[in-house]
Amino acid sequence: MCRTNIEEEKPQNPNIIKLDECVELIKDEMDMFPYREHLDAITMFDNPVSSLKSMLRVFGLGLSKSIIAYQNEEEEEEIWDDEEEEDEEDSEGSESDDHM
């Protein structure tokens, strides 16, 4: 029943992808995508429109996964950096305890 916001301000997404980064992801996806085989299938079978739609869906799905992986990769790097800082602080604290 309570609909108040938990946080006053919504956190900003730190993993905003810039256009040039997105273009690089598309280029990488195109290099990995077997588009020649799909083009052969489109020209060899009855319904080229359906085949083209299917090919674009497969490509779009792969591209979406690449973008998600890219965003998660940056997020994981931040998590690892935070954990390393905490470990360093913990080890510094335990070293000072050893000297007592």
C-alpha atoms as a PDB file:
ATOM      1  CA  MET A   1       0.000   0.000   0.000  1.00  0.00           C
ATOM      2  CA  CYS A   2       2.932   2.318   0.620  1.00  0.00           C
ATOM      3  CA  ARG A   3       4.082   3.804  -2.684  1.00  0.00           C
ATOM      4  CA  THR A   4       6.796   6.179  -1.460  1.00  0.00           C
ATOM      5  CA  ASN A   5      10.117   6.129  -3.231  1.00  0.00           C
ATOM      6  CA  ILE A   6      12.863   4.215  -1.476  1.00  0.00           C
ATOM      7  CA  GLU A   7      15.476   6.576  -2.882  1.00  0.00           C
ATOM      8  CA  GLU A   8      14.985  10.300  -3.319  1.00  0.00           C
ATOM      9  CA  GLU A   9      16.854  10.334  -6.618  1.00  0.00           C
ATOM     10  CA  LYS A  10      16.974   7.487  -9.072  1.00  0.00           C
ATOM     11  CA  PRO A  11      20.529   6.204  -9.559  1.00  0.00           C
ATOM     12  CA  GLN A  12      22.014   7.010 -12.936  1.00  0.00           C
ATOM     13  CA  ASN A  13      23.141   4.196 -15.195  1.00  0.00           C
ATOM     14  CA  PRO A  14      26.954   4.365 -15.197  1.00  0.00           C
ATOM     15  CA  ASN A  15      27.126   2.066 -18.240  1.00  0.00           C
ATOM     16  CA  ILE A  16      25.706   4.332 -20.900  1.00  0.00           C
ATOM     17  CA  ILE A  17      27.044   3.227 -24.266  1.00  0.00           C
ATOM     18  CA  LYS A  18      28.299   5.914 -26.618  1.00  0.00           C
ATOM     19  CA  LEU A  19      27.562   5.756 -30.328  1.00  0.00           C
ATOM     20  CA  ASP A  20      31.151   4.956 -31.320  1.00  0.00           C
ATOM     21  CA  GLU A  21      31.262   2.081 -28.809  1.00  0.00           C
ATOM     22  CA  CYS A  22      27.988   0.753 -30.188  1.00  0.00           C
ATOM     23  CA  VAL A  23      29.328   0.934 -33.748  1.00  0.00           C
ATOM     24  CA  GLU A  24      32.356  -1.119 -32.670  1.00  0.00           C
ATOM     25  CA  LEU A  25      30.028  -3.723 -31.132  1.00  0.00           C
ATOM     26  CA  ILE A  26      28.063  -3.880 -34.396  1.00  0.00           C
ATOM     27  CA  LYS A  27      31.277  -4.315 -36.395  1.00  0.00           C
ATOM     28  CA  ASP A  28      32.410  -7.115 -34.075  1.00  0.00           C
ATOM     29  CA  GLU A  29      29.013  -8.799 -34.347  1.00  0.00           C
ATOM     30  CA  MET A  30      29.079  -8.518 -38.158  1.00  0.00           C
ATOM     31  CA  ASP A  31      32.540 -10.135 -38.222  1.00  0.00           C
ATOM     32  CA  MET A  32      31.229 -13.099 -36.203  1.00  0.00           C
ATOM     33  CA  PHE A  33      27.826 -13.375 -37.921  1.00  0.00           C
ATOM     34  CA  PRO A  34      27.617 -15.952 -40.758  1.00  0.00           C
ATOM     35  CA  TYR A  35      25.690 -13.595 -43.039  1.00  0.00           C
ATOM     36  CA  ARG A  36      26.886 -15.251 -46.271  1.00  0.00           C
ATOM     37  CA  GLU A  37      25.208 -18.526 -45.280  1.00  0.00           C
ATOM     38  CA  HIS A  38      22.034 -16.642 -44.451  1.00  0.00           C
ATOM     39  CA  LEU A  39      22.136 -14.824 -47.786  1.00  0.00           C
ATOM     40  CA  ASP A  40      22.569 -18.151 -49.600  1.00  0.00           C
ATOM     41  CA  ALA A  41      19.547 -19.540 -47.744  1.00  0.00           C
ATOM     42  CA  ILE A  42      17.487 -16.472 -48.639  1.00  0.00           C
ATOM     43  CA  THR A  43      18.232 -16.804 -52.349  1.00  0.00           C
ATOM     44  CA  MET A  44      17.836 -20.608 -52.460  1.00  0.00           C
ATOM     45  CA  PHE A  45      14.483 -21.052 -50.738  1.00  0.00           C
ATOM     46  CA  ASP A  46      10.901 -20.048 -51.486  1.00  0.00           C
ATOM     47  CA  ASN A  47      10.166 -17.141 -49.176  1.00  0.00           C
ATOM     48  CA  PRO A  48      13.008 -14.602 -49.147  1.00  0.00           C
ATOM     49  CA  VAL A  49      11.080 -12.062 -47.019  1.00  0.00           C
ATOM     50  CA  SER A  50      10.561 -14.581 -44.229  1.00  0.00           C
ATOM     51  CA  SER A  51      14.196 -15.680 -44.425  1.00  0.00           C
ATOM     52  CA  LEU A  52      15.396 -12.076 -44.285  1.00  0.00           C
ATOM     53  CA  LYS A  53      13.255 -11.385 -41.212  1.00  0.00           C
ATOM     54  CA  SER A  54      14.637 -14.485 -39.554  1.00  0.00           C
ATOM     55  CA  MET A  55      18.219 -13.476 -40.354  1.00  0.00           C
ATOM     56  CA  LEU A  56      17.673  -9.972 -38.959  1.00  0.00           C
ATOM     57  CA  ARG A  57      16.137 -11.415 -35.792  1.00  0.00           C
ATOM     58  CA  VAL A  58      19.145 -13.671 -35.255  1.00  0.00           C
ATOM     59  CA  PHE A  59      21.527 -10.767 -35.859  1.00  0.00           C
ATOM     60  CA  GLY A  60      19.535  -8.456 -33.573  1.00  0.00           C
ATOM     61  CA  LEU A  61      19.505 -11.038 -30.802  1.00  0.00           C
ATOM     62  CA  GLY A  62      23.263 -11.508 -31.060  1.00  0.00           C
ATOM     63  CA  LEU A  63      23.808  -7.751 -31.052  1.00  0.00           C
ATOM     64  CA  SER A  64      21.576  -7.339 -28.001  1.00  0.00           C
ATOM     65  CA  LYS A  65      23.558 -10.006 -26.153  1.00  0.00           C
ATOM     66  CA  SER A  66      26.805  -8.238 -27.061  1.00  0.00           C
ATOM     67  CA  ILE A  67      25.520  -4.927 -25.715  1.00  0.00           C
ATOM     68  CA  ILE A  68      24.326  -6.565 -22.488  1.00  0.00           C
ATOM     69  CA  ALA A  69      27.681  -8.318 -22.083  1.00  0.00           C
ATOM     70  CA  TYR A  70      29.495  -5.019 -22.668  1.00  0.00           C
ATOM     71  CA  GLN A  71      27.423  -3.272 -20.000  1.00  0.00           C
ATOM     72  CA  ASN A  72      27.868  -6.122 -17.518  1.00  0.00           C
ATOM     73  CA  GLU A  73      31.609  -6.193 -18.194  1.00  0.00           C
ATOM     74  CA  GLU A  74      31.943  -2.551 -17.125  1.00  0.00           C
ATOM     75  CA  GLU A  75      29.737  -3.156 -14.102  1.00  0.00           C
ATOM     76  CA  GLU A  76      31.782  -6.201 -13.047  1.00  0.00           C
ATOM     77  CA  GLU A  77      35.010  -4.187 -13.361  1.00  0.00           C
ATOM     78  CA  GLU A  78      33.569  -1.613 -10.931  1.00  0.00           C
ATOM     79  CA  ILE A  79      32.566  -4.364  -8.497  1.00  0.00           C
ATOM     80  CA  TRP A  80      36.048  -5.932  -8.658  1.00  0.00           C
ATOM     81  CA  ASP A  81      37.679  -2.528  -8.120  1.00  0.00           C
ATOM     82  CA  ASP A  82      35.504  -1.927  -5.046  1.00  0.00           C
ATOM     83  CA  GLU A  83      36.300  -5.390  -3.652  1.00  0.00           C
ATOM     84  CA  GLU A  84      40.041  -4.872  -4.202  1.00  0.00           C
ATOM     85  CA  GLU A  85      39.902  -1.563  -2.334  1.00  0.00           C
ATOM     86  CA  GLU A  86      38.080  -3.254   0.567  1.00  0.00           C
ATOM     87  CA  ASP A  87      40.647  -6.072   0.627  1.00  0.00           C
ATOM     88  CA  GLU A  88      43.480  -3.543   0.715  1.00  0.00           C
ATOM     89  CA  GLU A  89      41.818  -1.689   3.590  1.00  0.00           C
ATOM     90  CA  ASP A  90      41.267  -4.968   5.476  1.00  0.00           C
ATOM     91  CA  SER A  91      44.877  -6.076   4.986  1.00  0.00           C
ATOM     92  CA  GLU A  92      46.183  -2.685   6.133  1.00  0.00           C
ATOM     93  CA  GLY A  93      44.022  -2.908   9.240  1.00  0.00           C
ATOM     94  CA  SER A  94      45.214  -6.429  10.073  1.00  0.00           C
ATOM     95  CA  GLU A  95      48.868  -5.412   9.577  1.00  0.00           C
ATOM     96  CA  SER A  96      48.512  -2.637  12.151  1.00  0.00           C
ATOM     97  CA  ASP A  97      46.933  -5.170  14.548  1.00  0.00           C
ATOM     98  CA  ASP A  98      49.969  -7.448  14.140  1.00  0.00           C
ATOM     99  CA  HIS A  99      52.338  -4.732  15.330  1.00  0.00           C
ATOM    100  CA  MET A 100      50.599  -4.407  18.725  1.00  0.00           C
END
